[in-house]
Amino acid sequence: MNSLSLPRSLSYDALIQAADERILILDGAMGTMIQTLNMTEEDFTANGHIHGPKCRHHSDHPQKGNNDLLVLTQPQTVEDLQLDFALAGADILETNTFSSTTIAQADYGLEDAVHDLNVAGAQVARRAADRATAQDGKPRWVAGAVGPTNRTASISPDVNDPGYRAVTFDDLRAAYGQQIDGLIAGGSDLILIETIFDTLNAKAAIFAAFESFAKVGRQLPIMISGTITDASGRTLSGQTPTAFWHSVRHARPFTVGLNCALGADAMRPHLAELAGVADTRICAYPNAGLPNAFGQYDETPEQTAKLVEVFAREGLINVAGGCCGTTPDHIRAIAEHVAPYAPRQIKETADV
């Protein structure tokens, strides 16, 4: 059965209706927010619990920096961060599961924890969303975050062997499938395939998402977000925004867009190109400028918000949020600055 012919999930139509009425707000950067907490190895492992013999998941690897693990070891901390973003104006909360695939978790020896990481990641975000809704009455949606993994299917990691690949399409498809199954089981309303530097990786994630939808008998919205890596205006695997869109258009995503790598000012021309060809909604969540020499982001909430407002004023976006360096204050400012503007009108184009 074609997953695009499956019945839509219960929240699908409500999400579309909201997006037709106004520019929706995506949350900000979980990773850089976690960095500000200066957590220790003991924090990441819940005082060594992750290494203990009675723990459900065991690893001999250090876990500091494994942000996704915090949904199991420090769930309240993650929930509170997500609540802050929701109360700042975010309509869509991303799960803290950017690296929750067997491929990425292999670095930490926690491949066996992947299902639990994704289920818990969705549940924690759902609790934050529900807490925010209880306070202000606004509906929220949980986006199951699917990161790019740390391997690419299009480029050889060995300059002396251009034909070599560290991962196959089927490897990625299986890893993403396990992740997305967990995200759906945990209650995600949609799937966000993000920070795409290699479109072949993303196509494996799309394929896996369709397979997961077929298993549960319902179709969830998909958001697809690429990353322009430098001033060339291309992804790491060499595609322009136009080529990127035509490579993923078959998925009929709820949104397509750009995130990470660039600040809003540098992102604008590439976003405009994408908006000029895509016959679906556009999502943009740039970094708070470029990192300084110490890896910190100096762009203030007001500065970022004014730049994102340009996207809204020019009719380029339907969803806006923030990536690296963006805090709840950034999201609050973005929400305020785009509120006066109508969402981008989708242009119908001929099927290809």
Protein backbone atom coordinates (compact mmCIF):
# COMPACT_ATOMS: atom_id res chain seq x y z
CA MET A 1 0.00 0.00 0.00
CA ASN A 2 1.32 3.44 -0.94
CA SER A 3 1.83 5.25 2.36
CA LEU A 4 0.64 8.48 0.73
CA SER A 5 -2.77 6.83 0.29
CA LEU A 6 -3.01 5.89 3.96
CA PRO A 7 -5.46 7.77 6.18
CA ARG A 8 -3.96 10.80 7.85
CA SER A 9 -3.15 10.84 11.54
CA LEU A 10 -5.63 12.61 13.82
CA SER A 11 -3.44 15.70 14.23
CA TYR A 12 -2.59 16.06 10.54
CA ASP A 13 -5.61 18.15 9.48
CA ALA A 14 -5.38 20.38 12.57
CA LEU A 15 -1.74 21.11 11.75
CA ILE A 16 -2.59 22.01 8.15
CA GLN A 17 -5.42 24.27 9.28
CA ALA A 18 -3.15 26.11 11.69
CA ALA A 19 -0.46 26.51 9.01
CA ASP A 20 -3.03 27.98 6.62
CA GLU A 21 -3.99 30.61 9.17
CA ARG A 22 -0.61 31.87 10.36
CA ILE A 23 3.14 31.36 10.35
CA LEU A 24 3.81 28.53 12.76
CA ILE A 25 6.72 28.63 15.19
CA LEU A 26 9.23 25.83 15.61
CA ASP A 27 11.34 25.65 18.75
CA GLY A 28 15.03 26.52 19.16
CA ALA A 29 18.31 24.75 19.74
CA MET A 30 18.24 21.95 22.30
CA GLY A 31 21.91 21.08 21.83
CA THR A 32 23.32 24.50 22.62
CA MET A 33 20.84 24.92 25.49
CA ILE A 34 22.10 21.66 27.01
CA GLN A 35 25.68 22.90 26.64
CA THR A 36 24.88 25.89 28.84
CA LEU A 37 24.06 23.49 31.71
CA ASN A 38 27.70 22.32 31.86
CA MET A 39 26.71 18.75 32.66
CA THR A 40 29.28 16.21 33.83
CA GLU A 41 29.70 12.54 32.95
CA GLU A 42 27.77 11.74 36.12
CA ASP A 43 24.89 13.92 34.96
CA PHE A 44 24.72 12.17 31.59
CA THR A 45 24.81 8.72 33.19
CA ALA A 46 22.57 9.54 36.17
CA ASN A 47 25.46 9.08 38.59
CA GLY A 48 26.79 6.06 36.78
CA HIS A 49 23.46 4.29 36.46
CA ILE A 50 23.87 3.81 32.71
CA HIS A 51 27.06 1.82 33.36
CA GLY A 52 25.67 -0.27 36.20
CA PRO A 53 24.82 -3.98 35.93
CA LYS A 54 21.17 -3.38 36.83
CA CYS A 55 20.61 -0.81 34.12
CA ARG A 56 18.49 -1.76 31.12
CA HIS A 57 21.24 -0.45 28.84
CA HIS A 58 24.93 -0.95 29.47
CA SER A 59 27.93 0.72 27.87
CA ASP A 60 31.59 1.02 28.75
CA HIS A 61 31.91 4.20 26.68
CA PRO A 62 31.94 7.70 28.18
CA GLN A 63 28.54 9.34 27.69
CA LYS A 64 29.27 13.04 28.20
CA GLY A 65 28.04 14.82 25.09
CA ASN A 66 25.44 12.17 24.27
CA ASN A 67 22.60 14.67 24.56
CA ASP A 68 19.95 12.21 23.43
CA LEU A 69 20.65 9.98 26.44
CA LEU A 70 19.27 12.70 28.71
CA VAL A 71 15.69 11.74 27.81
CA LEU A 72 16.37 8.58 29.85
CA THR A 73 18.74 9.85 32.54
CA GLN A 74 17.58 13.48 32.98
CA PRO A 75 14.07 13.56 31.45
CA GLN A 76 12.83 16.41 33.65
CA THR A 77 15.69 18.64 32.53
CA VAL A 78 14.87 18.02 28.87
CA GLU A 79 11.15 18.49 29.49
CA ASP A 80 11.71 21.81 31.25
CA LEU A 81 13.87 23.11 28.39
CA GLN A 82 11.18 22.14 25.89
CA LEU A 83 8.51 23.75 28.06
CA ASP A 84 10.48 27.00 28.01
CA PHE A 85 10.47 26.94 24.21
CA ALA A 86 6.75 26.16 24.12
CA LEU A 87 5.86 29.00 26.46
CA ALA A 88 8.08 31.31 24.40
CA GLY A 89 5.73 30.72 21.47
CA ALA A 90 6.72 27.44 19.81
CA ASP A 91 3.84 25.57 18.20
CA ILE A 92 6.04 22.61 17.26
CA LEU A 93 8.45 20.98 19.70
CA GLU A 94 11.25 18.78 18.40
CA THR A 95 12.14 15.61 20.24
CA ASN A 96 15.64 15.41 21.70
CA THR A 97 16.53 12.52 19.36
CA PHE A 98 18.81 14.09 16.74
CA SER A 99 21.37 11.26 17.09
CA SER A 100 19.09 8.43 18.20
CA THR A 101 19.97 5.92 15.49
CA THR A 102 22.07 2.79 15.85
CA ILE A 103 24.63 4.40 13.53
CA ALA A 104 25.11 7.52 15.65
CA GLN A 105 24.74 5.77 19.02
CA ALA A 106 27.52 3.32 18.06
CA ASP A 107 29.93 6.06 19.13
CA TYR A 108 28.60 5.62 22.67
CA GLY A 109 28.05 1.86 22.63
CA LEU A 110 24.30 2.33 23.04
CA GLU A 111 22.91 0.84 19.85
CA ASP A 112 20.55 -1.33 21.91
CA ALA A 113 19.02 1.76 23.54
CA VAL A 114 17.72 3.30 20.31
CA HIS A 115 14.09 2.22 20.62
CA ASP A 116 13.85 3.44 24.20
CA LEU A 117 15.61 6.72 23.37
CA ASN A 118 13.07 7.54 20.66
CA VAL A 119 10.00 6.44 22.60
CA ALA A 120 11.15 8.43 25.63
CA GLY A 121 12.17 11.40 23.49
CA ALA A 122 8.65 11.67 22.06
CA GLN A 123 7.02 11.15 25.45
CA VAL A 124 9.13 13.84 27.13
CA ALA A 125 8.32 16.36 24.37
CA ARG A 126 4.64 15.42 24.59
CA ARG A 127 4.60 16.11 28.32
CA ALA A 128 6.20 19.52 27.74
CA ALA A 129 3.68 20.30 25.00
CA ASP A 130 0.75 19.28 27.18
CA ARG A 131 2.01 21.31 30.12
CA ALA A 132 2.25 24.40 27.92
CA THR A 133 -1.21 23.84 26.45
CA ALA A 134 -2.65 23.47 29.95
CA GLN A 135 -1.25 26.91 30.77
CA ASP A 136 -2.24 28.89 27.69
CA GLY A 137 -4.75 26.75 25.79
CA LYS A 138 -2.73 26.73 22.56
CA PRO A 139 -2.34 23.40 20.74
CA ARG A 140 1.19 22.05 20.27
CA TRP A 141 2.61 19.38 18.01
CA VAL A 142 5.56 17.07 18.64
CA ALA A 143 8.03 16.63 15.78
CA GLY A 144 10.06 13.44 15.91
CA ALA A 145 13.57 14.70 15.11
CA VAL A 146 15.58 12.55 12.70
CA GLY A 147 19.16 13.76 12.25
CA PRO A 148 21.48 12.99 9.35
CA THR A 149 23.74 10.43 11.16
CA ASN A 150 27.53 10.85 11.13
CA ARG A 151 27.99 8.88 7.89
CA THR A 152 27.20 9.81 4.32
CA ALA A 153 25.97 7.54 1.55
CA SER A 154 27.09 9.84 -1.27
CA ILE A 155 30.68 10.69 -0.43
CA SER A 156 33.70 8.56 0.39
CA PRO A 157 35.39 9.33 3.73
CA ASP A 158 38.65 8.10 2.16
CA VAL A 159 40.25 10.53 -0.31
CA ASN A 160 42.34 7.65 -1.67
CA ASP A 161 39.26 5.53 -2.47
CA PRO A 162 36.49 7.67 -4.01
CA GLY A 163 34.23 4.66 -4.50
CA TYR A 164 34.25 3.60 -0.86
CA ARG A 165 31.19 4.19 1.31
CA ALA A 166 31.09 3.89 5.09
CA VAL A 167 27.35 3.15 5.01
CA THR A 168 24.82 1.80 2.51
CA PHE A 169 21.32 2.95 1.68
CA ASP A 170 19.90 -0.17 3.30
CA ASP A 171 21.98 0.42 6.44
CA LEU A 172 20.49 3.90 6.72
CA ARG A 173 16.99 2.71 5.88
CA ALA A 174 17.11 0.13 8.68
CA ALA A 175 18.56 2.57 11.21
CA TYR A 176 16.07 5.30 10.40
CA GLY A 177 13.22 2.80 10.40
CA GLN A 178 14.02 1.70 13.93
CA GLN A 179 14.21 5.33 15.01
CA ILE A 180 10.96 6.39 13.37
CA ASP A 181 9.11 3.35 14.73
CA GLY A 182 10.12 4.49 18.22
CA LEU A 183 9.18 8.10 17.60
CA ILE A 184 5.71 7.08 16.44
CA ALA A 185 5.28 4.67 19.35
CA GLY A 186 6.15 7.52 21.72
CA GLY A 187 3.43 9.75 20.30
CA SER A 188 5.09 12.04 17.74
CA ASP A 189 2.64 14.02 15.61
CA LEU A 190 5.00 14.42 12.68
CA ILE A 191 8.46 13.40 11.50
CA LEU A 192 11.17 16.02 10.97
CA ILE A 193 14.07 14.87 8.77
CA GLU A 194 16.54 17.65 9.43
CA THR A 195 20.02 19.11 8.92
CA ILE A 196 20.35 17.20 5.66
CA PHE A 197 23.84 17.50 4.19
CA ASP A 198 23.48 14.40 1.98
CA THR A 199 20.17 13.97 0.17
CA LEU A 200 20.74 10.23 -0.24
CA ASN A 201 20.69 9.90 3.55
CA ALA A 202 17.44 11.86 3.58
CA LYS A 203 15.90 9.66 0.90
CA ALA A 204 16.66 6.63 3.05
CA ALA A 205 14.91 8.35 5.96
CA ILE A 206 11.91 9.15 3.77
CA PHE A 207 11.71 5.54 2.61
CA ALA A 208 11.92 4.36 6.21
CA ALA A 209 9.20 6.81 7.26
CA PHE A 210 6.85 5.46 4.61
CA GLU A 211 7.51 1.93 5.83
CA SER A 212 6.80 2.98 9.41
CA PHE A 213 3.56 4.67 8.37
CA ALA A 214 2.47 1.48 6.61
CA LYS A 215 3.10 -0.51 9.81
CA VAL A 216 0.81 1.69 11.89
CA GLY A 217 -1.72 2.25 9.11
CA ARG A 218 -1.66 6.03 9.15
CA GLN A 219 0.28 8.82 7.48
CA LEU A 220 2.08 11.44 9.55
CA PRO A 221 3.20 14.80 8.16
CA ILE A 222 6.87 14.93 7.14
CA MET A 223 9.04 18.02 7.44
CA ILE A 224 12.27 17.96 5.41
CA SER A 225 15.07 20.43 6.12
CA GLY A 226 18.35 20.69 4.26
CA THR A 227 21.59 22.42 5.16
CA ILE A 228 23.53 24.74 2.87
CA THR A 229 27.07 24.30 4.08
CA ASP A 230 28.86 27.34 2.66
CA ALA A 231 28.73 30.34 0.32
CA SER A 232 28.51 28.03 -2.72
CA GLY A 233 24.80 27.62 -2.02
CA ARG A 234 24.97 23.84 -2.06
CA THR A 235 24.57 20.97 0.34
CA LEU A 236 27.69 18.99 1.26
CA SER A 237 26.74 16.40 -1.36
CA GLY A 238 26.62 19.14 -4.00
CA GLN A 239 22.98 20.01 -4.57
CA THR A 240 21.50 23.46 -5.02
CA PRO A 241 18.22 24.20 -3.20
CA THR A 242 16.33 23.58 -6.45
CA ALA A 243 17.96 20.20 -7.01
CA PHE A 244 17.40 19.29 -3.38
CA TRP A 245 13.68 20.01 -3.70
CA HIS A 246 13.28 17.91 -6.83
CA SER A 247 15.07 15.03 -5.07
CA VAL A 248 12.58 14.95 -2.18
CA ARG A 249 9.41 16.28 -3.79
CA HIS A 250 8.02 12.77 -4.22
CA ALA A 251 7.52 12.59 -0.44
CA ARG A 252 4.92 15.39 -0.63
CA PRO A 253 6.24 16.87 2.60
CA PHE A 254 4.24 19.12 4.87
CA THR A 255 7.21 21.49 4.70
CA VAL A 256 10.56 21.69 3.01
CA GLY A 257 13.19 24.14 4.13
CA LEU A 258 16.63 24.96 5.45
CA ASN A 259 18.29 24.95 8.86
CA CYS A 260 21.68 25.17 10.54
CA ALA A 261 25.12 26.10 9.12
CA LEU A 262 24.10 29.67 8.27
CA GLY A 263 22.58 32.63 10.04
CA ALA A 264 19.36 34.11 8.70
CA ASP A 265 21.06 36.82 6.65
CA ALA A 266 23.20 34.33 4.69
CA MET A 267 20.31 31.87 4.41
CA ARG A 268 17.87 34.29 2.75
CA PRO A 269 18.93 33.92 -0.93
CA HIS A 270 18.96 30.14 -0.71
CA LEU A 271 15.57 30.13 1.01
CA ALA A 272 14.20 32.42 -1.69
CA GLU A 273 15.41 29.98 -4.35
CA LEU A 274 13.70 27.09 -2.58
CA ALA A 275 10.48 29.07 -2.13
CA GLY A 276 10.52 29.84 -5.84
CA VAL A 277 10.30 26.18 -6.86
CA ALA A 278 8.62 24.26 -4.03
CA ASP A 279 4.90 23.59 -4.21
CA THR A 280 4.59 23.03 -0.48
CA ARG A 281 5.11 25.02 2.71
CA ILE A 282 8.53 26.45 3.52
CA CYS A 283 10.24 26.16 6.92
CA ALA A 284 13.34 28.08 7.99
CA TYR A 285 15.24 27.80 11.24
CA PRO A 286 18.65 29.46 10.98
CA ASN A 287 21.42 29.64 13.53
CA ALA A 288 21.82 32.72 15.71
CA GLY A 289 24.44 33.95 13.27
CA LEU A 290 27.80 32.24 12.85
CA PRO A 291 29.81 30.95 15.81
CA ASN A 292 32.63 33.06 17.15
CA ALA A 293 36.20 31.87 17.75
CA PHE A 294 35.04 30.11 20.91
CA GLY A 295 32.11 28.33 19.24
CA GLN A 296 29.55 30.63 20.85
CA TYR A 297 26.71 32.44 19.09
CA ASP A 298 26.61 36.20 19.59
CA GLU A 299 23.50 37.22 17.65
CA THR A 300 20.90 38.60 20.03
CA PRO A 301 17.22 37.56 19.96
CA GLU A 302 16.27 40.92 18.48
CA GLN A 303 18.91 40.69 15.75
CA THR A 304 17.88 37.18 14.75
CA ALA A 305 14.19 38.04 14.86
CA LYS A 306 14.58 41.07 12.60
CA LEU A 307 16.39 38.95 10.02
CA VAL A 308 13.75 36.21 10.16
CA GLU A 309 11.08 38.90 9.84
CA VAL A 310 12.49 39.62 6.39
CA PHE A 311 11.57 36.05 5.39
CA ALA A 312 7.99 36.66 6.53
CA ARG A 313 7.72 40.12 4.97
CA GLU A 314 8.90 38.76 1.62
CA GLY A 315 6.35 35.93 1.75
CA LEU A 316 8.95 33.15 1.89
CA ILE A 317 7.91 31.09 4.92
CA ASN A 318 5.15 29.13 6.60
CA VAL A 319 7.14 27.91 9.61
CA ALA A 320 9.96 29.74 11.42
CA GLY A 321 12.21 28.74 14.29
CA GLY A 322 15.82 28.62 15.37
CA CYS A 323 18.79 26.30 15.19
CA CYS A 324 22.21 26.49 16.89
CA GLY A 325 22.54 29.23 19.47
CA THR A 326 18.84 30.11 19.62
CA THR A 327 17.28 30.28 23.08
CA PRO A 328 13.68 30.66 24.26
CA ASP A 329 14.26 34.42 24.08
CA HIS A 330 15.17 34.07 20.40
CA ILE A 331 12.02 32.05 19.73
CA ARG A 332 9.86 34.57 21.61
CA ALA A 333 11.31 37.42 19.55
CA ILE A 334 10.89 35.50 16.27
CA ALA A 335 7.26 34.71 17.12
CA GLU A 336 6.56 38.37 17.84
CA HIS A 337 8.27 39.63 14.68
CA VAL A 338 6.54 37.24 12.24
CA ALA A 339 3.08 37.44 13.84
CA PRO A 340 1.85 40.37 11.69
CA TYR A 341 2.54 38.55 8.44
CA ALA A 342 0.48 36.00 6.53
CA PRO A 343 2.02 32.63 5.72
CA ARG A 344 3.49 32.09 2.28
CA GLN A 345 0.96 31.14 -0.36
CA ILE A 346 1.70 27.78 -1.96
CA LYS A 347 2.11 27.94 -5.70
CA GLU A 348 0.73 25.01 -7.65
CA THR A 349 3.11 23.55 -10.20
CA ALA A 350 2.71 20.80 -12.75
CA ASP A 351 3.55 17.28 -11.60
CA VAL A 352 6.87 15.94 -12.83
